[in-house]
Amino acid sequence: MELAAKGSGRAGAGGLRMHVNKVSHVTTIDRVAEHLGERVDWVYEVANEMDTEDGVIWAYGLGDDCVMTFTDFGIVNLIDLVKINKELKSPDKR
């Protein structure tokens, strides 16, 4: 939540601007890898090319343990990256 600057568009009561998170759920890399039938470590290497804007979110737990997760948009982007990486490594493309 932040204070809205004067004349900066829509603001709620008292000049407060509310940001609404439009992500209702994320899926862990383990689950995505299983769905794709790929090894988690390989999917992780591919997904490491992604940024937050691409739909990857790091979720932190106790002791700062973290897991890579994906929004639905992120899964679509990851599937595209997996296809591209497979095509690049295909013996037919060499």
PDB file of N, CA and C in Angstrom:
ATOM      1  N   MET A   1       0.850  -1.165   0.000  1.00  0.00           N
ATOM      2  CA  MET A   1       0.000   0.000   0.000  1.00  0.00           C
ATOM      3  C   MET A   1       0.897   1.229   0.000  1.00  0.00           C
ATOM      4  N   GLU A   2       0.528   2.245  -0.759  1.00  0.00           N
ATOM      5  CA  GLU A   2       1.321   3.472  -0.798  1.00  0.00           C
ATOM      6  C   GLU A   2       0.399   4.672  -0.874  1.00  0.00           C
ATOM      7  N   LEU A   3       0.925   5.809  -0.501  1.00  0.00           N
ATOM      8  CA  LEU A   3       0.160   7.044  -0.628  1.00  0.00           C
ATOM      9  C   LEU A   3       0.156   7.466  -2.082  1.00  0.00           C
ATOM     10  N   ALA A   4      -1.000   7.827  -2.560  1.00  0.00           N
ATOM     11  CA  ALA A   4      -1.104   8.273  -3.943  1.00  0.00           C
ATOM     12  C   ALA A   4      -0.626   9.706  -4.053  1.00  0.00           C
ATOM     13  N   ALA A   5       0.189   9.975  -5.050  1.00  0.00           N
ATOM     14  CA  ALA A   5       0.657  11.343  -5.286  1.00  0.00           C
ATOM     15  C   ALA A   5      -0.506  12.166  -5.809  1.00  0.00           C
ATOM     16  N   LYS A   6      -0.470  13.457  -5.521  1.00  0.00           N
ATOM     17  CA  LYS A   6      -1.533  14.360  -5.942  1.00  0.00           C
ATOM     18  C   LYS A   6      -1.695  14.295  -7.462  1.00  0.00           C
ATOM     19  N   GLY A   7      -2.916  14.048  -7.902  1.00  0.00           N
ATOM     20  CA  GLY A   7      -3.197  14.003  -9.334  1.00  0.00           C
ATOM     21  C   GLY A   7      -2.644  12.767 -10.025  1.00  0.00           C
ATOM     22  N   SER A   8      -2.404  11.694  -9.279  1.00  0.00           N
ATOM     23  CA  SER A   8      -1.787  10.513  -9.893  1.00  0.00           C
ATOM     24  C   SER A   8      -2.791   9.408 -10.182  1.00  0.00           C
ATOM     25  N   GLY A   9      -3.957   9.745 -10.621  1.00  0.00           N
ATOM     26  CA  GLY A   9      -4.909   8.701 -10.969  1.00  0.00           C
ATOM     27  C   GLY A   9      -5.833   8.377  -9.812  1.00  0.00           C
ATOM     28  N   ARG A  10      -6.316   7.161  -9.790  1.00  0.00           N
ATOM     29  CA  ARG A  10      -7.310   6.750  -8.805  1.00  0.00           C
ATOM     30  C   ARG A  10      -6.676   6.436  -7.460  1.00  0.00           C
ATOM     31  N   ALA A  11      -7.302   6.919  -6.439  1.00  0.00           N
ATOM     32  CA  ALA A  11      -6.854   6.632  -5.080  1.00  0.00           C
ATOM     33  C   ALA A  11      -8.073   6.312  -4.238  1.00  0.00           C
ATOM     34  N   GLY A  12      -7.882   5.500  -3.238  1.00  0.00           N
ATOM     35  CA  GLY A  12      -8.975   5.144  -2.337  1.00  0.00           C
ATOM     36  C   GLY A  12      -9.188   6.217  -1.297  1.00  0.00           C
ATOM     37  N   ALA A  13      -9.972   5.883  -0.289  1.00  0.00           N
ATOM     38  CA  ALA A  13     -10.267   6.815   0.795  1.00  0.00           C
ATOM     39  C   ALA A  13      -8.985   7.256   1.481  1.00  0.00           C
ATOM     40  N   GLY A  14      -8.880   8.521   1.796  1.00  0.00           N
ATOM     41  CA  GLY A  14      -7.719   9.040   2.506  1.00  0.00           C
ATOM     42  C   GLY A  14      -6.468   9.125   1.655  1.00  0.00           C
ATOM     43  N   GLY A  15      -6.596   9.027   0.347  1.00  0.00           N
ATOM     44  CA  GLY A  15      -5.442   9.146  -0.532  1.00  0.00           C
ATOM     45  C   GLY A  15      -4.574   7.899  -0.601  1.00  0.00           C
ATOM     46  N   LEU A  16      -5.069   6.753  -0.112  1.00  0.00           N
ATOM     47  CA  LEU A  16      -4.294   5.515  -0.166  1.00  0.00           C
ATOM     48  C   LEU A  16      -4.575   4.771  -1.464  1.00  0.00           C
ATOM     49  N   ARG A  17      -3.528   4.270  -2.078  1.00  0.00           N
ATOM     50  CA  ARG A  17      -3.672   3.482  -3.297  1.00  0.00           C
ATOM     51  C   ARG A  17      -3.438   2.021  -2.935  1.00  0.00           C
ATOM     52  N   MET A  18      -4.353   1.170  -3.350  1.00  0.00           N
ATOM     53  CA  MET A  18      -4.246  -0.251  -3.054  1.00  0.00           C
ATOM     54  C   MET A  18      -3.787  -0.986  -4.310  1.00  0.00           C
ATOM     55  N   HIS A  19      -2.806  -1.884  -4.140  1.00  0.00           N
ATOM     56  CA  HIS A  19      -2.363  -2.740  -5.242  1.00  0.00           C
ATOM     57  C   HIS A  19      -2.998  -4.105  -5.052  1.00  0.00           C
ATOM     58  N   VAL A  20      -3.613  -4.615  -6.088  1.00  0.00           N
ATOM     59  CA  VAL A  20      -4.277  -5.903  -6.022  1.00  0.00           C
ATOM     60  C   VAL A  20      -3.407  -6.934  -6.734  1.00  0.00           C
ATOM     61  N   ASN A  21      -3.041  -7.980  -6.013  1.00  0.00           N
ATOM     62  CA  ASN A  21      -2.252  -9.047  -6.597  1.00  0.00           C
ATOM     63  C   ASN A  21      -3.180  -9.919  -7.427  1.00  0.00           C
ATOM     64  N   LYS A  22      -2.882 -10.071  -8.694  1.00  0.00           N
ATOM     65  CA  LYS A  22      -3.755 -10.819  -9.579  1.00  0.00           C
ATOM     66  C   LYS A  22      -3.364 -12.290  -9.699  1.00  0.00           C
ATOM     67  N   VAL A  23      -2.345 -12.723  -8.967  1.00  0.00           N
ATOM     68  CA  VAL A  23      -1.938 -14.122  -8.974  1.00  0.00           C
ATOM     69  C   VAL A  23      -2.643 -14.822  -7.822  1.00  0.00           C
ATOM     70  N   SER A  24      -3.464 -15.818  -8.133  1.00  0.00           N
ATOM     71  CA  SER A  24      -4.209 -16.511  -7.090  1.00  0.00           C
ATOM     72  C   SER A  24      -3.524 -17.790  -6.626  1.00  0.00           C
ATOM     73  N   HIS A  25      -2.580 -18.292  -7.426  1.00  0.00           N
ATOM     74  CA  HIS A  25      -1.862 -19.508  -7.042  1.00  0.00           C
ATOM     75  C   HIS A  25      -0.585 -19.627  -7.869  1.00  0.00           C
ATOM     76  N   VAL A  26       0.325 -20.444  -7.380  1.00  0.00           N
ATOM     77  CA  VAL A  26       1.546 -20.762  -8.120  1.00  0.00           C
ATOM     78  C   VAL A  26       1.741 -22.274  -8.055  1.00  0.00           C
ATOM     79  N   THR A  27       2.570 -22.800  -8.963  1.00  0.00           N
ATOM     80  CA  THR A  27       2.853 -24.225  -9.026  1.00  0.00           C
ATOM     81  C   THR A  27       4.350 -24.426  -8.868  1.00  0.00           C
ATOM     82  N   THR A  28       4.755 -25.390  -8.047  1.00  0.00           N
ATOM     83  CA  THR A  28       6.172 -25.616  -7.805  1.00  0.00           C
ATOM     84  C   THR A  28       6.854 -26.217  -9.021  1.00  0.00           C
ATOM     85  N   ILE A  29       8.156 -26.011  -9.085  1.00  0.00           N
ATOM     86  CA  ILE A  29       8.952 -26.542 -10.188  1.00  0.00           C
ATOM     87  C   ILE A  29       8.883 -28.065 -10.219  1.00  0.00           C
ATOM     88  N   ASP A  30       8.821 -28.711  -9.052  1.00  0.00           N
ATOM     89  CA  ASP A  30       8.716 -30.175  -9.020  1.00  0.00           C
ATOM     90  C   ASP A  30       7.457 -30.656  -9.734  1.00  0.00           C
ATOM     91  N   ARG A  31       6.369 -29.971  -9.463  1.00  0.00           N
ATOM     92  CA  ARG A  31       5.090 -30.374 -10.079  1.00  0.00           C
ATOM     93  C   ARG A  31       5.092 -30.103 -11.579  1.00  0.00           C
ATOM     94  N   VAL A  32       5.645 -28.972 -11.989  1.00  0.00           N
ATOM     95  CA  VAL A  32       5.706 -28.649 -13.413  1.00  0.00           C
ATOM     96  C   VAL A  32       6.593 -29.658 -14.144  1.00  0.00           C
ATOM     97  N   ALA A  33       7.755 -29.972 -13.563  1.00  0.00           N
ATOM     98  CA  ALA A  33       8.669 -30.933 -14.184  1.00  0.00           C
ATOM     99  C   ALA A  33       7.991 -32.292 -14.336  1.00  0.00           C
ATOM    100  N   GLU A  34       7.281 -32.718 -13.299  1.00  0.00           N
ATOM    101  CA  GLU A  34       6.573 -34.004 -13.366  1.00  0.00           C
ATOM    102  C   GLU A  34       5.538 -33.977 -14.473  1.00  0.00           C
ATOM    103  N   HIS A  35       4.784 -32.888 -14.562  1.00  0.00           N
ATOM    104  CA  HIS A  35       3.751 -32.744 -15.600  1.00  0.00           C
ATOM    105  C   HIS A  35       4.372 -32.803 -16.998  1.00  0.00           C
ATOM    106  N   LEU A  36       5.564 -32.210 -17.141  1.00  0.00           N
ATOM    107  CA  LEU A  36       6.242 -32.199 -18.440  1.00  0.00           C
ATOM    108  C   LEU A  36       7.010 -33.492 -18.722  1.00  0.00           C
ATOM    109  N   GLY A  37       7.153 -34.335 -17.697  1.00  0.00           N
ATOM    110  CA  GLY A  37       7.908 -35.568 -17.867  1.00  0.00           C
ATOM    111  C   GLY A  37       9.404 -35.319 -17.989  1.00  0.00           C
ATOM    112  N   GLU A  38       9.888 -34.269 -17.325  1.00  0.00           N
ATOM    113  CA  GLU A  38      11.301 -33.883 -17.397  1.00  0.00           C
ATOM    114  C   GLU A  38      11.927 -33.949 -16.008  1.00  0.00           C
ATOM    115  N   ARG A  39      13.263 -34.020 -15.981  1.00  0.00           N
ATOM    116  CA  ARG A  39      14.004 -33.982 -14.718  1.00  0.00           C
ATOM    117  C   ARG A  39      13.943 -32.577 -14.128  1.00  0.00           C
ATOM    118  N   VAL A  40      13.765 -32.498 -12.819  1.00  0.00           N
ATOM    119  CA  VAL A  40      13.653 -31.205 -12.144  1.00  0.00           C
ATOM    120  C   VAL A  40      14.921 -30.376 -12.347  1.00  0.00           C
ATOM    121  N   ASP A  41      16.090 -30.997 -12.249  1.00  0.00           N
ATOM    122  CA  ASP A  41      17.330 -30.227 -12.381  1.00  0.00           C
ATOM    123  C   ASP A  41      17.476 -29.615 -13.771  1.00  0.00           C
ATOM    124  N   TRP A  42      17.027 -30.331 -14.807  1.00  0.00           N
ATOM    125  CA  TRP A  42      17.103 -29.783 -16.163  1.00  0.00           C
ATOM    126  C   TRP A  42      16.094 -28.640 -16.333  1.00  0.00           C
ATOM    127  N   VAL A  43      14.877 -28.821 -15.819  1.00  0.00           N
ATOM    128  CA  VAL A  43      13.862 -27.763 -15.902  1.00  0.00           C
ATOM    129  C   VAL A  43      14.347 -26.535 -15.153  1.00  0.00           C
ATOM    130  N   TYR A  44      15.016 -26.742 -14.016  1.00  0.00           N
ATOM    131  CA  TYR A  44      15.574 -25.623 -13.251  1.00  0.00           C
ATOM    132  C   TYR A  44      16.585 -24.846 -14.090  1.00  0.00           C
ATOM    133  N   GLU A  45      17.460 -25.559 -14.799  1.00  0.00           N
ATOM    134  CA  GLU A  45      18.445 -24.884 -15.662  1.00  0.00           C
ATOM    135  C   GLU A  45      17.752 -24.035 -16.722  1.00  0.00           C
ATOM    136  N   VAL A  46      16.721 -24.586 -17.321  1.00  0.00           N
ATOM    137  CA  VAL A  46      15.968 -23.851 -18.350  1.00  0.00           C
ATOM    138  C   VAL A  46      15.265 -22.649 -17.722  1.00  0.00           C
ATOM    139  N   ALA A  47      14.622 -22.852 -16.583  1.00  0.00           N
ATOM    140  CA  ALA A  47      13.847 -21.792 -15.923  1.00  0.00           C
ATOM    141  C   ALA A  47      14.729 -20.689 -15.370  1.00  0.00           C
ATOM    142  N   ASN A  48      15.988 -20.976 -15.151  1.00  0.00           N
ATOM    143  CA  ASN A  48      16.907 -19.966 -14.626  1.00  0.00           C
ATOM    144  C   ASN A  48      17.060 -18.784 -15.576  1.00  0.00           C
ATOM    145  N   GLU A  49      16.658 -18.953 -16.828  1.00  0.00           N
ATOM    146  CA  GLU A  49      16.685 -17.865 -17.813  1.00  0.00           C
ATOM    147  C   GLU A  49      15.521 -16.897 -17.614  1.00  0.00           C
ATOM    148  N   MET A  50      14.541 -17.287 -16.800  1.00  0.00           N
ATOM    149  CA  MET A  50      13.316 -16.504 -16.641  1.00  0.00           C
ATOM    150  C   MET A  50      13.455 -15.435 -15.562  1.00  0.00           C
ATOM    151  N   ASP A  51      12.681 -14.368 -15.726  1.00  0.00           N
ATOM    152  CA  ASP A  51      12.599 -13.284 -14.749  1.00  0.00           C
ATOM    153  C   ASP A  51      11.199 -13.267 -14.142  1.00  0.00           C
ATOM    154  N   THR A  52      11.022 -12.466 -13.118  1.00  0.00           N
ATOM    155  CA  THR A  52       9.722 -12.336 -12.473  1.00  0.00           C
ATOM    156  C   THR A  52       8.642 -11.958 -13.488  1.00  0.00           C
ATOM    157  N   GLU A  53       8.987 -11.098 -14.429  1.00  0.00           N
ATOM    158  CA  GLU A  53       8.023 -10.665 -15.449  1.00  0.00           C
ATOM    159  C   GLU A  53       7.578 -11.825 -16.327  1.00  0.00           C
ATOM    160  N   ASP A  54       8.384 -12.898 -16.363  1.00  0.00           N
ATOM    161  CA  ASP A  54       8.057 -14.079 -17.161  1.00  0.00           C
ATOM    162  C   ASP A  54       7.168 -15.053 -16.398  1.00  0.00           C
ATOM    163  N   GLY A  55       6.907 -14.773 -15.116  1.00  0.00           N
ATOM    164  CA  GLY A  55       6.005 -15.604 -14.341  1.00  0.00           C
ATOM    165  C   GLY A  55       6.670 -16.568 -13.382  1.00  0.00           C
ATOM    166  N   VAL A  56       7.922 -16.332 -13.035  1.00  0.00           N
ATOM    167  CA  VAL A  56       8.592 -17.166 -12.036  1.00  0.00           C
ATOM    168  C   VAL A  56       8.603 -16.404 -10.711  1.00  0.00           C
ATOM    169  N   ILE A  57       8.310 -17.109  -9.625  1.00  0.00           N
ATOM    170  CA  ILE A  57       8.258 -16.511  -8.293  1.00  0.00           C
ATOM    171  C   ILE A  57       8.998 -17.444  -7.334  1.00  0.00           C
ATOM    172  N   TRP A  58       9.871 -16.869  -6.526  1.00  0.00           N
ATOM    173  CA  TRP A  58      10.554 -17.649  -5.496  1.00  0.00           C
ATOM    174  C   TRP A  58       9.728 -17.601  -4.226  1.00  0.00           C
ATOM    175  N   ALA A  59       9.410 -18.777  -3.676  1.00  0.00           N
ATOM    176  CA  ALA A  59       8.656 -18.877  -2.424  1.00  0.00           C
ATOM    177  C   ALA A  59       9.619 -19.294  -1.319  1.00  0.00           C
ATOM    178  N   TYR A  60       9.616 -18.547  -0.224  1.00  0.00           N
ATOM    179  CA  TYR A  60      10.531 -18.799   0.888  1.00  0.00           C
ATOM    180  C   TYR A  60       9.794 -19.424   2.053  1.00  0.00           C
ATOM    181  N   GLY A  61      10.446 -20.403   2.672  1.00  0.00           N
ATOM    182  CA  GLY A  61       9.890 -21.081   3.837  1.00  0.00           C
ATOM    183  C   GLY A  61      10.781 -20.874   5.041  1.00  0.00           C
ATOM    184  N   LEU A  62      10.646 -21.750   6.012  1.00  0.00           N
ATOM    185  CA  LEU A  62      11.445 -21.679   7.222  1.00  0.00           C
ATOM    186  C   LEU A  62      12.928 -21.845   6.898  1.00  0.00           C
ATOM    187  N   GLY A  63      13.766 -21.149   7.649  1.00  0.00           N
ATOM    188  CA  GLY A  63      15.204 -21.269   7.447  1.00  0.00           C
ATOM    189  C   GLY A  63      15.659 -20.768   6.093  1.00  0.00           C
ATOM    190  N   ASP A  64      14.875 -19.908   5.482  1.00  0.00           N
ATOM    191  CA  ASP A  64      15.163 -19.375   4.158  1.00  0.00           C
ATOM    192  C   ASP A  64      15.249 -20.444   3.076  1.00  0.00           C
ATOM    193  N   ASP A  65      14.650 -21.629   3.325  1.00  0.00           N
ATOM    194  CA  ASP A  65      14.513 -22.604   2.245  1.00  0.00           C
ATOM    195  C   ASP A  65      13.628 -21.963   1.190  1.00  0.00           C
ATOM    196  N   CYS A  66      13.987 -22.136  -0.065  1.00  0.00           N
ATOM    197  CA  CYS A  66      13.168 -21.523  -1.102  1.00  0.00           C
ATOM    198  C   CYS A  66      12.933 -22.516  -2.236  1.00  0.00           C
ATOM    199  N   VAL A  67      11.862 -22.290  -2.945  1.00  0.00           N
ATOM    200  CA  VAL A  67      11.505 -23.134  -4.069  1.00  0.00           C
ATOM    201  C   VAL A  67      11.033 -22.239  -5.215  1.00  0.00           C
ATOM    202  N   MET A  68      11.430 -22.614  -6.421  1.00  0.00           N
ATOM    203  CA  MET A  68      10.996 -21.882  -7.613  1.00  0.00           C
ATOM    204  C   MET A  68       9.559 -22.300  -7.920  1.00  0.00           C
ATOM    205  N   THR A  69       8.703 -21.317  -8.129  1.00  0.00           N
ATOM    206  CA  THR A  69       7.312 -21.576  -8.481  1.00  0.00           C
ATOM    207  C   THR A  69       6.952 -20.747  -9.709  1.00  0.00           C
ATOM    208  N   PHE A  70       5.827 -21.092 -10.313  1.00  0.00           N
ATOM    209  CA  PHE A  70       5.402 -20.444 -11.550  1.00  0.00           C
ATOM    210  C   PHE A  70       3.931 -20.084 -11.504  1.00  0.00           C
ATOM    211  N   THR A  71       3.614 -18.928 -12.043  1.00  0.00           N
ATOM    212  CA  THR A  71       2.221 -18.570 -12.279  1.00  0.00           C
ATOM    213  C   THR A  71       1.775 -19.358 -13.514  1.00  0.00           C
ATOM    214  N   ASP A  72       0.488 -19.314 -13.828  1.00  0.00           N
ATOM    215  CA  ASP A  72       0.022 -19.978 -15.056  1.00  0.00           C
ATOM    216  C   ASP A  72       0.738 -19.404 -16.277  1.00  0.00           C
ATOM    217  N   PHE A  73       0.906 -18.094 -16.297  1.00  0.00           N
ATOM    218  CA  PHE A  73       1.636 -17.427 -17.375  1.00  0.00           C
ATOM    219  C   PHE A  73       3.076 -17.929 -17.423  1.00  0.00           C
ATOM    220  N   GLY A  74       3.678 -18.131 -16.264  1.00  0.00           N
ATOM    221  CA  GLY A  74       5.034 -18.629 -16.183  1.00  0.00           C
ATOM    222  C   GLY A  74       5.175 -20.037 -16.727  1.00  0.00           C
ATOM    223  N   ILE A  75       4.178 -20.877 -16.472  1.00  0.00           N
ATOM    224  CA  ILE A  75       4.217 -22.249 -16.993  1.00  0.00           C
ATOM    225  C   ILE A  75       4.191 -22.238 -18.512  1.00  0.00           C
ATOM    226  N   VAL A  76       3.358 -21.391 -19.089  1.00  0.00           N
ATOM    227  CA  VAL A  76       3.306 -21.273 -20.547  1.00  0.00           C
ATOM    228  C   VAL A  76       4.668 -20.836 -21.087  1.00  0.00           C
ATOM    229  N   ASN A  77       5.278 -19.845 -20.448  1.00  0.00           N
ATOM    230  CA  ASN A  77       6.599 -19.379 -20.879  1.00  0.00           C
ATOM    231  C   ASN A  77       7.652 -20.466 -20.708  1.00  0.00           C
ATOM    232  N   LEU A  78       7.584 -21.198 -19.601  1.00  0.00           N
ATOM    233  CA  LEU A  78       8.540 -22.272 -19.361  1.00  0.00           C
ATOM    234  C   LEU A  78       8.401 -23.373 -20.403  1.00  0.00           C
ATOM    235  N   ILE A  79       7.187 -23.744 -20.744  1.00  0.00           N
ATOM    236  CA  ILE A  79       6.968 -24.765 -21.777  1.00  0.00           C
ATOM    237  C   ILE A  79       7.598 -24.324 -23.093  1.00  0.00           C
ATOM    238  N   ASP A  80       7.449 -23.051 -23.442  1.00  0.00           N
ATOM    239  CA  ASP A  80       8.080 -22.525 -24.658  1.00  0.00           C
ATOM    240  C   ASP A  80       9.598 -22.633 -24.576  1.00  0.00           C
ATOM    241  N   LEU A  81      10.169 -22.284 -23.421  1.00  0.00           N
ATOM    242  CA  LEU A  81      11.621 -22.376 -23.243  1.00  0.00           C
ATOM    243  C   LEU A  81      12.107 -23.819 -23.306  1.00  0.00           C
ATOM    244  N   VAL A  82      11.349 -24.732 -22.748  1.00  0.00           N
ATOM    245  CA  VAL A  82      11.704 -26.156 -22.812  1.00  0.00           C
ATOM    246  C   VAL A  82      11.747 -26.607 -24.267  1.00  0.00           C
ATOM    247  N   LYS A  83      10.731 -26.233 -25.047  1.00  0.00           N
ATOM    248  CA  LYS A  83      10.694 -26.604 -26.473  1.00  0.00           C
ATOM    249  C   LYS A  83      11.895 -26.021 -27.214  1.00  0.00           C
ATOM    250  N   ILE A  84      12.207 -24.757 -26.963  1.00  0.00           N
ATOM    251  CA  ILE A  84      13.340 -24.103 -27.621  1.00  0.00           C
ATOM    252  C   ILE A  84      14.638 -24.810 -27.259  1.00  0.00           C
ATOM    253  N   ASN A  85      14.827 -25.113 -25.976  1.00  0.00           N
ATOM    254  CA  ASN A  85      16.051 -25.787 -25.540  1.00  0.00           C
ATOM    255  C   ASN A  85      16.170 -27.183 -26.129  1.00  0.00           C
ATOM    256  N   LYS A  86      15.077 -27.893 -26.249  1.00  0.00           N
ATOM    257  CA  LYS A  86      15.103 -29.225 -26.863  1.00  0.00           C
ATOM    258  C   LYS A  86      15.455 -29.128 -28.344  1.00  0.00           C
ATOM    259  N   GLU A  87      14.902 -28.139 -29.030  1.00  0.00           N
ATOM    260  CA  GLU A  87      15.204 -27.958 -30.446  1.00  0.00           C
ATOM    261  C   GLU A  87      16.675 -27.617 -30.653  1.00  0.00           C
ATOM    262  N   LEU A  88      17.223 -26.775 -29.783  1.00  0.00           N
ATOM    263  CA  LEU A  88      18.629 -26.386 -29.902  1.00  0.00           C
ATOM    264  C   LEU A  88      19.571 -27.561 -29.657  1.00  0.00           C
ATOM    265  N   LYS A  89      19.154 -28.493 -28.816  1.00  0.00           N
ATOM    266  CA  LYS A  89      20.011 -29.620 -28.478  1.00  0.00           C
ATOM    267  C   LYS A  89      19.704 -30.853 -29.328  1.00  0.00           C
ATOM    268  N   SER A  90      18.736 -30.744 -30.215  1.00  0.00           N
ATOM    269  CA  SER A  90      18.355 -31.870 -31.067  1.00  0.00           C
ATOM    270  C   SER A  90      19.475 -32.164 -32.054  1.00  0.00           C
ATOM    271  N   PRO A  91      19.810 -33.461 -32.249  1.00  0.00           N
ATOM    272  CA  PRO A  91      20.868 -33.813 -33.206  1.00  0.00           C
ATOM    273  C   PRO A  91      20.552 -33.348 -34.629  1.00  0.00           C
ATOM    274  N   ASP A  92      19.258 -33.230 -34.959  1.00  0.00           N
ATOM    275  CA  ASP A  92      18.871 -32.780 -36.300  1.00  0.00           C
ATOM    276  C   ASP A  92      19.229 -31.322 -36.544  1.00  0.00           C
ATOM    277  N   LYS A  93      19.391 -30.525 -35.481  1.00  0.00           N
ATOM    278  CA  LYS A  93      19.646 -29.094 -35.618  1.00  0.00           C
ATOM    279  C   LYS A  93      21.130 -28.767 -35.643  1.00  0.00           C
ATOM    280  N   ARG A  94      21.988 -29.749 -35.461  1.00  0.00           N
ATOM    281  CA  ARG A  94      23.441 -29.507 -35.433  1.00  0.00           C
ATOM    282  C   ARG A  94      24.026 -29.471 -36.802  1.00  0.00           C
TER     283      ARG A  94
END
